[in-house]
Amino acid sequence: MTATADRKDDGPVGSGVVMSNPSPNMLFKTYLADRPEPTGRSWGAEVSFDVTITLDHPVRKVWQVFKDFNRWQSRFGYEYDGVIGDKEDEFVYLSNRSGANDLKWQEGLRFKYIVRKIVPERLIYLDNPPAPIEDPAKDGVWEGHNLFMLYEEGQKTKIVIFMEHTWYSQTMSLAELRSEAKGTMEGGVAFWRDYFIPDLITAVESHGVPRI
């Protein structure tokens, strides 16, 4: 069964848009959509993750912490082989520390990011080239695009993050691909809410960043 069998014709922003505001400084928006595979021979499932973070510090200070993802993602178990904010036009690889979380990555698996554009204190843009689905029993690939924007507003720093990931397969059904995407979306909201954002705030607070 190919991924074309049960597809939906979703609009530009997909269906099932979910908005949540788990704390005064976090705002999440997610959706799931069906998308055509680039060659047109099958369809895939796309998930979008949109989050806004508010910090009570100037952007020039927040940037020094934010640009190094290891400083606020390592407790969850993510490890990058470089400081992303210093790696424009380079590859950066992400690995997952064994036993740190419930993600079922193969031993030694690393994901490649292409650091497309860095504007210090303003923007990070990353691409995930097509990569196999983490579970070796599943015959599919995924790719992603990740945009991080920072700006000051009302004496605070706003960080707007938009990530889109799409899963394709010639053999998995679209329902299976949707399930893969939905699981990633729900897990992503949880580890951003419970790990990444609190740890970013803590890292900013604990590295000599004065409040405004």
C-alpha atoms as a PDB file:
ATOM      1  CA  MET A   1       0.000   0.000   0.000  1.00  0.00           C
ATOM      2  CA  THR A   2       1.480   3.325  -1.022  1.00  0.00           C
ATOM      3  CA  ALA A   3       1.027   6.651   0.682  1.00  0.00           C
ATOM      4  CA  THR A   4      -1.459   7.823  -1.981  1.00  0.00           C
ATOM      5  CA  ALA A   5      -4.340   5.613  -0.865  1.00  0.00           C
ATOM      6  CA  ASP A   6      -5.969   7.702   1.841  1.00  0.00           C
ATOM      7  CA  ARG A   7      -4.647  11.188   1.316  1.00  0.00           C
ATOM      8  CA  LYS A   8      -6.460  14.391   2.228  1.00  0.00           C
ATOM      9  CA  ASP A   9      -6.423  17.648   0.281  1.00  0.00           C
ATOM     10  CA  ASP A  10      -5.271  19.952   3.061  1.00  0.00           C
ATOM     11  CA  GLY A  11      -5.129  23.708   2.761  1.00  0.00           C
ATOM     12  CA  PRO A  12      -1.945  25.773   2.982  1.00  0.00           C
ATOM     13  CA  VAL A  13      -1.632  25.370   6.760  1.00  0.00           C
ATOM     14  CA  GLY A  14      -3.013  21.853   7.022  1.00  0.00           C
ATOM     15  CA  SER A  15      -5.714  20.698   9.377  1.00  0.00           C
ATOM     16  CA  GLY A  16      -6.108  20.251  13.087  1.00  0.00           C
ATOM     17  CA  VAL A  17      -4.357  23.471  14.071  1.00  0.00           C
ATOM     18  CA  VAL A  18      -3.705  23.410  17.818  1.00  0.00           C
ATOM     19  CA  MET A  19      -2.825  26.509  19.842  1.00  0.00           C
ATOM     20  CA  SER A  20      -1.559  26.269  23.423  1.00  0.00           C
ATOM     21  CA  ASN A  21      -0.147  28.708  25.956  1.00  0.00           C
ATOM     22  CA  PRO A  22       1.397  26.571  28.720  1.00  0.00           C
ATOM     23  CA  SER A  23       2.963  29.559  30.478  1.00  0.00           C
ATOM     24  CA  PRO A  24       3.066  33.354  30.062  1.00  0.00           C
ATOM     25  CA  ASN A  25       6.346  33.146  28.107  1.00  0.00           C
ATOM     26  CA  MET A  26       5.450  30.211  25.793  1.00  0.00           C
ATOM     27  CA  LEU A  27       3.027  30.072  22.861  1.00  0.00           C
ATOM     28  CA  PHE A  28       2.743  26.958  20.673  1.00  0.00           C
ATOM     29  CA  LYS A  29       0.985  26.375  17.348  1.00  0.00           C
ATOM     30  CA  THR A  30       1.077  23.012  15.562  1.00  0.00           C
ATOM     31  CA  TYR A  31      -0.664  21.350  12.616  1.00  0.00           C
ATOM     32  CA  LEU A  32      -0.534  18.184  10.529  1.00  0.00           C
ATOM     33  CA  ALA A  33      -0.945  18.151   6.722  1.00  0.00           C
ATOM     34  CA  ASP A  34      -0.717  15.766   3.770  1.00  0.00           C
ATOM     35  CA  ARG A  35       1.775  16.822   1.096  1.00  0.00           C
ATOM     36  CA  PRO A  36       2.854  15.437  -2.306  1.00  0.00           C
ATOM     37  CA  GLU A  37       6.278  13.851  -2.491  1.00  0.00           C
ATOM     38  CA  PRO A  38       8.595  15.958  -4.730  1.00  0.00           C
ATOM     39  CA  THR A  39       8.516  13.495  -7.666  1.00  0.00           C
ATOM     40  CA  GLY A  40       4.731  13.236  -7.475  1.00  0.00           C
ATOM     41  CA  ARG A  41       4.760   9.431  -7.163  1.00  0.00           C
ATOM     42  CA  SER A  42       3.516   9.346  -3.565  1.00  0.00           C
ATOM     43  CA  TRP A  43       2.328  11.537  -0.708  1.00  0.00           C
ATOM     44  CA  GLY A  44       3.706  12.325   2.693  1.00  0.00           C
ATOM     45  CA  ALA A  45       2.744  13.724   6.066  1.00  0.00           C
ATOM     46  CA  GLU A  46       3.963  17.153   7.162  1.00  0.00           C
ATOM     47  CA  VAL A  47       4.043  18.549  10.652  1.00  0.00           C
ATOM     48  CA  SER A  48       4.592  22.186  11.586  1.00  0.00           C
ATOM     49  CA  PHE A  49       5.780  23.428  14.952  1.00  0.00           C
ATOM     50  CA  ASP A  50       5.588  27.150  15.715  1.00  0.00           C
ATOM     51  CA  VAL A  51       6.633  28.506  19.123  1.00  0.00           C
ATOM     52  CA  THR A  52       7.191  31.990  20.522  1.00  0.00           C
ATOM     53  CA  ILE A  53       9.371  32.462  23.611  1.00  0.00           C
ATOM     54  CA  THR A  54       9.628  35.695  25.611  1.00  0.00           C
ATOM     55  CA  LEU A  55      12.712  36.499  27.706  1.00  0.00           C
ATOM     56  CA  ASP A  56      13.223  39.504  30.005  1.00  0.00           C
ATOM     57  CA  HIS A  57      16.656  40.316  28.576  1.00  0.00           C
ATOM     58  CA  PRO A  58      18.167  42.242  25.651  1.00  0.00           C
ATOM     59  CA  VAL A  59      18.678  40.265  22.479  1.00  0.00           C
ATOM     60  CA  ARG A  60      22.444  40.895  22.414  1.00  0.00           C
ATOM     61  CA  LYS A  61      22.715  38.946  25.681  1.00  0.00           C
ATOM     62  CA  VAL A  62      20.189  36.221  24.859  1.00  0.00           C
ATOM     63  CA  TRP A  63      22.010  35.497  21.602  1.00  0.00           C
ATOM     64  CA  GLN A  64      25.201  34.458  23.377  1.00  0.00           C
ATOM     65  CA  VAL A  65      23.321  31.585  25.010  1.00  0.00           C
ATOM     66  CA  PHE A  66      20.754  30.833  22.319  1.00  0.00           C
ATOM     67  CA  LYS A  67      23.221  30.357  19.440  1.00  0.00           C
ATOM     68  CA  ASP A  68      24.823  27.363  21.225  1.00  0.00           C
ATOM     69  CA  PHE A  69      22.064  24.752  21.289  1.00  0.00           C
ATOM     70  CA  ASN A  70      24.155  22.503  23.541  1.00  0.00           C
ATOM     71  CA  ARG A  71      23.727  24.997  26.387  1.00  0.00           C
ATOM     72  CA  TRP A  72      19.969  24.473  26.546  1.00  0.00           C
ATOM     73  CA  GLN A  73      19.267  21.132  24.843  1.00  0.00           C
ATOM     74  CA  SER A  74      21.843  18.850  26.503  1.00  0.00           C
ATOM     75  CA  ARG A  75      19.752  17.941  29.569  1.00  0.00           C
ATOM     76  CA  PHE A  76      17.233  16.330  27.234  1.00  0.00           C
ATOM     77  CA  GLY A  77      20.050  14.346  25.631  1.00  0.00           C
ATOM     78  CA  TYR A  78      20.723  16.232  22.397  1.00  0.00           C
ATOM     79  CA  GLU A  79      24.359  16.883  21.532  1.00  0.00           C
ATOM     80  CA  TYR A  80      25.598  18.996  18.609  1.00  0.00           C
ATOM     81  CA  ASP A  81      29.157  18.834  17.303  1.00  0.00           C
ATOM     82  CA  GLY A  82      29.480  22.599  17.014  1.00  0.00           C
ATOM     83  CA  VAL A  83      28.007  25.972  17.954  1.00  0.00           C
ATOM     84  CA  ILE A  84      25.279  26.429  15.354  1.00  0.00           C
ATOM     85  CA  GLY A  85      25.363  30.222  15.518  1.00  0.00           C
ATOM     86  CA  ASP A  86      29.020  30.158  14.412  1.00  0.00           C
ATOM     87  CA  LYS A  87      28.619  27.639  11.562  1.00  0.00           C
ATOM     88  CA  GLU A  88      27.057  29.411   8.592  1.00  0.00           C
ATOM     89  CA  ASP A  89      27.566  27.426   5.332  1.00  0.00           C
ATOM     90  CA  GLU A  90      28.699  24.362   7.286  1.00  0.00           C
ATOM     91  CA  PHE A  91      27.266  21.029   8.386  1.00  0.00           C
ATOM     92  CA  VAL A  92      26.419  20.425  12.045  1.00  0.00           C
ATOM     93  CA  TYR A  93      25.537  16.948  13.318  1.00  0.00           C
ATOM     94  CA  LEU A  94      23.040  16.126  16.063  1.00  0.00           C
ATOM     95  CA  SER A  95      23.309  12.980  18.176  1.00  0.00           C
ATOM     96  CA  ASN A  96      21.121  11.735  21.020  1.00  0.00           C
ATOM     97  CA  ARG A  97      22.801  10.642  24.242  1.00  0.00           C
ATOM     98  CA  SER A  98      21.909   7.017  24.942  1.00  0.00           C
ATOM     99  CA  GLY A  99      19.516   6.568  27.859  1.00  0.00           C
ATOM    100  CA  ALA A 100      18.851  10.285  28.316  1.00  0.00           C
ATOM    101  CA  ASN A 101      15.296  10.158  26.917  1.00  0.00           C
ATOM    102  CA  ASP A 102      12.718   7.847  25.362  1.00  0.00           C
ATOM    103  CA  LEU A 103      13.679   8.478  21.724  1.00  0.00           C
ATOM    104  CA  LYS A 104      14.400   5.213  19.902  1.00  0.00           C
ATOM    105  CA  TRP A 105      17.434   6.188  17.844  1.00  0.00           C
ATOM    106  CA  GLN A 106      19.751   3.568  16.400  1.00  0.00           C
ATOM    107  CA  GLU A 107      23.146   3.355  18.088  1.00  0.00           C
ATOM    108  CA  GLY A 108      25.500   5.879  16.516  1.00  0.00           C
ATOM    109  CA  LEU A 109      22.753   7.663  14.562  1.00  0.00           C
ATOM    110  CA  ARG A 110      23.433  11.333  13.801  1.00  0.00           C
ATOM    111  CA  PHE A 111      21.265  13.812  11.922  1.00  0.00           C
ATOM    112  CA  LYS A 112      22.842  16.302   9.551  1.00  0.00           C
ATOM    113  CA  TYR A 113      21.893  19.975   9.585  1.00  0.00           C
ATOM    114  CA  ILE A 114      22.939  22.441   6.900  1.00  0.00           C
ATOM    115  CA  VAL A 115      23.426  25.853   8.495  1.00  0.00           C
ATOM    116  CA  ARG A 116      22.099  27.973   5.644  1.00  0.00           C
ATOM    117  CA  LYS A 117      22.079  31.445   7.166  1.00  0.00           C
ATOM    118  CA  ILE A 118      23.128  33.192  10.374  1.00  0.00           C
ATOM    119  CA  VAL A 119      22.364  36.821  11.152  1.00  0.00           C
ATOM    120  CA  PRO A 120      23.900  37.387  14.612  1.00  0.00           C
ATOM    121  CA  GLU A 121      21.295  38.393  17.202  1.00  0.00           C
ATOM    122  CA  ARG A 122      18.572  38.078  14.553  1.00  0.00           C
ATOM    123  CA  LEU A 123      18.252  34.776  12.690  1.00  0.00           C
ATOM    124  CA  ILE A 124      19.294  31.128  12.343  1.00  0.00           C
ATOM    125  CA  TYR A 125      18.101  29.043   9.383  1.00  0.00           C
ATOM    126  CA  LEU A 126      18.790  25.297   9.218  1.00  0.00           C
ATOM    127  CA  ASP A 127      17.851  22.541   6.766  1.00  0.00           C
ATOM    128  CA  ASN A 128      17.621  18.806   7.446  1.00  0.00           C
ATOM    129  CA  PRO A 129      18.506  16.975   4.205  1.00  0.00           C
ATOM    130  CA  PRO A 130      16.459  13.802   3.567  1.00  0.00           C
ATOM    131  CA  ALA A 131      17.312  11.127   6.141  1.00  0.00           C
ATOM    132  CA  PRO A 132      15.929   7.657   6.940  1.00  0.00           C
ATOM    133  CA  ILE A 133      13.189   7.369   9.557  1.00  0.00           C
ATOM    134  CA  GLU A 134      14.864   6.541  12.869  1.00  0.00           C
ATOM    135  CA  ASP A 135      13.155   3.153  13.200  1.00  0.00           C
ATOM    136  CA  PRO A 136      15.005   0.713  10.856  1.00  0.00           C
ATOM    137  CA  ALA A 137      11.814  -1.347  10.524  1.00  0.00           C
ATOM    138  CA  LYS A 138      10.110   1.558   8.726  1.00  0.00           C
ATOM    139  CA  ASP A 139      10.875   2.210   5.072  1.00  0.00           C
ATOM    140  CA  GLY A 140      10.723   5.972   4.734  1.00  0.00           C
ATOM    141  CA  VAL A 141      12.602   9.261   4.814  1.00  0.00           C
ATOM    142  CA  TRP A 142      12.024  12.661   6.356  1.00  0.00           C
ATOM    143  CA  GLU A 143      13.350  16.165   5.767  1.00  0.00           C
ATOM    144  CA  GLY A 144      12.978  19.451   7.589  1.00  0.00           C
ATOM    145  CA  HIS A 145      13.369  23.221   7.574  1.00  0.00           C
ATOM    146  CA  ASN A 146      14.000  25.227  10.737  1.00  0.00           C
ATOM    147  CA  LEU A 147      13.843  28.994  11.214  1.00  0.00           C
ATOM    148  CA  PHE A 148      14.723  30.847  14.447  1.00  0.00           C
ATOM    149  CA  MET A 149      14.167  34.623  14.669  1.00  0.00           C
ATOM    150  CA  LEU A 150      15.051  36.974  17.535  1.00  0.00           C
ATOM    151  CA  TYR A 151      13.933  40.571  18.077  1.00  0.00           C
ATOM    152  CA  GLU A 152      13.334  43.034  20.891  1.00  0.00           C
ATOM    153  CA  GLU A 153       9.868  44.213  21.811  1.00  0.00           C
ATOM    154  CA  GLY A 154       8.881  46.211  24.857  1.00  0.00           C
ATOM    155  CA  GLN A 155      12.274  45.735  26.529  1.00  0.00           C
ATOM    156  CA  LYS A 156      12.034  41.959  26.114  1.00  0.00           C
ATOM    157  CA  THR A 157      13.471  39.491  23.607  1.00  0.00           C
ATOM    158  CA  LYS A 158      11.051  37.502  21.478  1.00  0.00           C
ATOM    159  CA  ILE A 159      12.269  34.271  19.908  1.00  0.00           C
ATOM    160  CA  VAL A 160      10.014  32.947  17.138  1.00  0.00           C
ATOM    161  CA  ILE A 161      10.747  29.389  16.029  1.00  0.00           C
ATOM    162  CA  PHE A 162       9.161  27.707  12.998  1.00  0.00           C
ATOM    163  CA  MET A 163       9.998  24.101  12.131  1.00  0.00           C
ATOM    164  CA  GLU A 164       8.477  21.980   9.362  1.00  0.00           C
ATOM    165  CA  HIS A 165       9.201  18.275   8.902  1.00  0.00           C
ATOM    166  CA  THR A 166       7.768  15.944   6.253  1.00  0.00           C
ATOM    167  CA  TRP A 167       7.821  12.139   6.118  1.00  0.00           C
ATOM    168  CA  TYR A 168       7.657  10.264   2.764  1.00  0.00           C
ATOM    169  CA  SER A 169       7.515   6.581   1.891  1.00  0.00           C
ATOM    170  CA  GLN A 170       6.798   4.361  -1.126  1.00  0.00           C
ATOM    171  CA  THR A 171       5.624   1.500   1.101  1.00  0.00           C
ATOM    172  CA  MET A 172       4.133   2.980   4.294  1.00  0.00           C
ATOM    173  CA  SER A 173       0.496   4.048   4.174  1.00  0.00           C
ATOM    174  CA  LEU A 174      -0.364   7.682   4.604  1.00  0.00           C
ATOM    175  CA  ALA A 175      -2.044   6.764   7.904  1.00  0.00           C
ATOM    176  CA  GLU A 176       1.298   5.328   9.093  1.00  0.00           C
ATOM    177  CA  LEU A 177       3.134   8.451   7.966  1.00  0.00           C
ATOM    178  CA  ARG A 178       0.593  10.652   9.729  1.00  0.00           C
ATOM    179  CA  SER A 179       1.121   8.625  12.881  1.00  0.00           C
ATOM    180  CA  GLU A 180       4.891   9.101  12.587  1.00  0.00           C
ATOM    181  CA  ALA A 181       4.472  12.850  12.103  1.00  0.00           C
ATOM    182  CA  LYS A 182       1.876  13.197  14.863  1.00  0.00           C
ATOM    183  CA  GLY A 183       4.092  11.360  17.354  1.00  0.00           C
ATOM    184  CA  THR A 184       6.997  13.646  16.528  1.00  0.00           C
ATOM    185  CA  MET A 185       4.790  16.736  16.864  1.00  0.00           C
ATOM    186  CA  GLU A 186       3.453  15.700  20.262  1.00  0.00           C
ATOM    187  CA  GLY A 187       6.892  14.673  21.521  1.00  0.00           C
ATOM    188  CA  GLY A 188       8.407  17.894  20.194  1.00  0.00           C
ATOM    189  CA  VAL A 189       5.895  20.069  22.017  1.00  0.00           C
ATOM    190  CA  ALA A 190       6.624  18.139  25.220  1.00  0.00           C
ATOM    191  CA  PHE A 191      10.411  18.405  25.135  1.00  0.00           C
ATOM    192  CA  TRP A 192      10.387  22.052  24.073  1.00  0.00           C
ATOM    193  CA  ARG A 193       7.900  22.853  26.851  1.00  0.00           C
ATOM    194  CA  ASP A 194       9.519  20.719  29.581  1.00  0.00           C
ATOM    195  CA  TYR A 195      13.223  20.855  28.668  1.00  0.00           C
ATOM    196  CA  PHE A 196      14.414  23.257  25.988  1.00  0.00           C
ATOM    197  CA  ILE A 197      12.559  26.434  26.964  1.00  0.00           C
ATOM    198  CA  PRO A 198      13.029  26.121  30.743  1.00  0.00           C
ATOM    199  CA  ASP A 199      16.704  25.256  30.225  1.00  0.00           C
ATOM    200  CA  LEU A 200      17.189  28.191  27.860  1.00  0.00           C
ATOM    201  CA  ILE A 201      15.695  30.526  30.463  1.00  0.00           C
ATOM    202  CA  THR A 202      17.886  29.001  33.193  1.00  0.00           C
ATOM    203  CA  ALA A 203      20.998  29.240  31.018  1.00  0.00           C
ATOM    204  CA  VAL A 204      20.356  32.914  30.315  1.00  0.00           C
ATOM    205  CA  GLU A 205      19.678  33.630  33.981  1.00  0.00           C
ATOM    206  CA  SER A 206      22.741  31.749  35.254  1.00  0.00           C
ATOM    207  CA  HIS A 207      25.387  33.093  32.872  1.00  0.00           C
ATOM    208  CA  GLY A 208      25.612  36.633  34.124  1.00  0.00           C
ATOM    209  CA  VAL A 209      22.892  38.070  31.907  1.00  0.00           C
ATOM    210  CA  PRO A 210      21.512  41.116  33.717  1.00  0.00           C
ATOM    211  CA  ARG A 211      17.770  41.809  33.658  1.00  0.00           C
ATOM    212  CA  ILE A 212      16.608  44.937  31.894  1.00  0.00           C
END
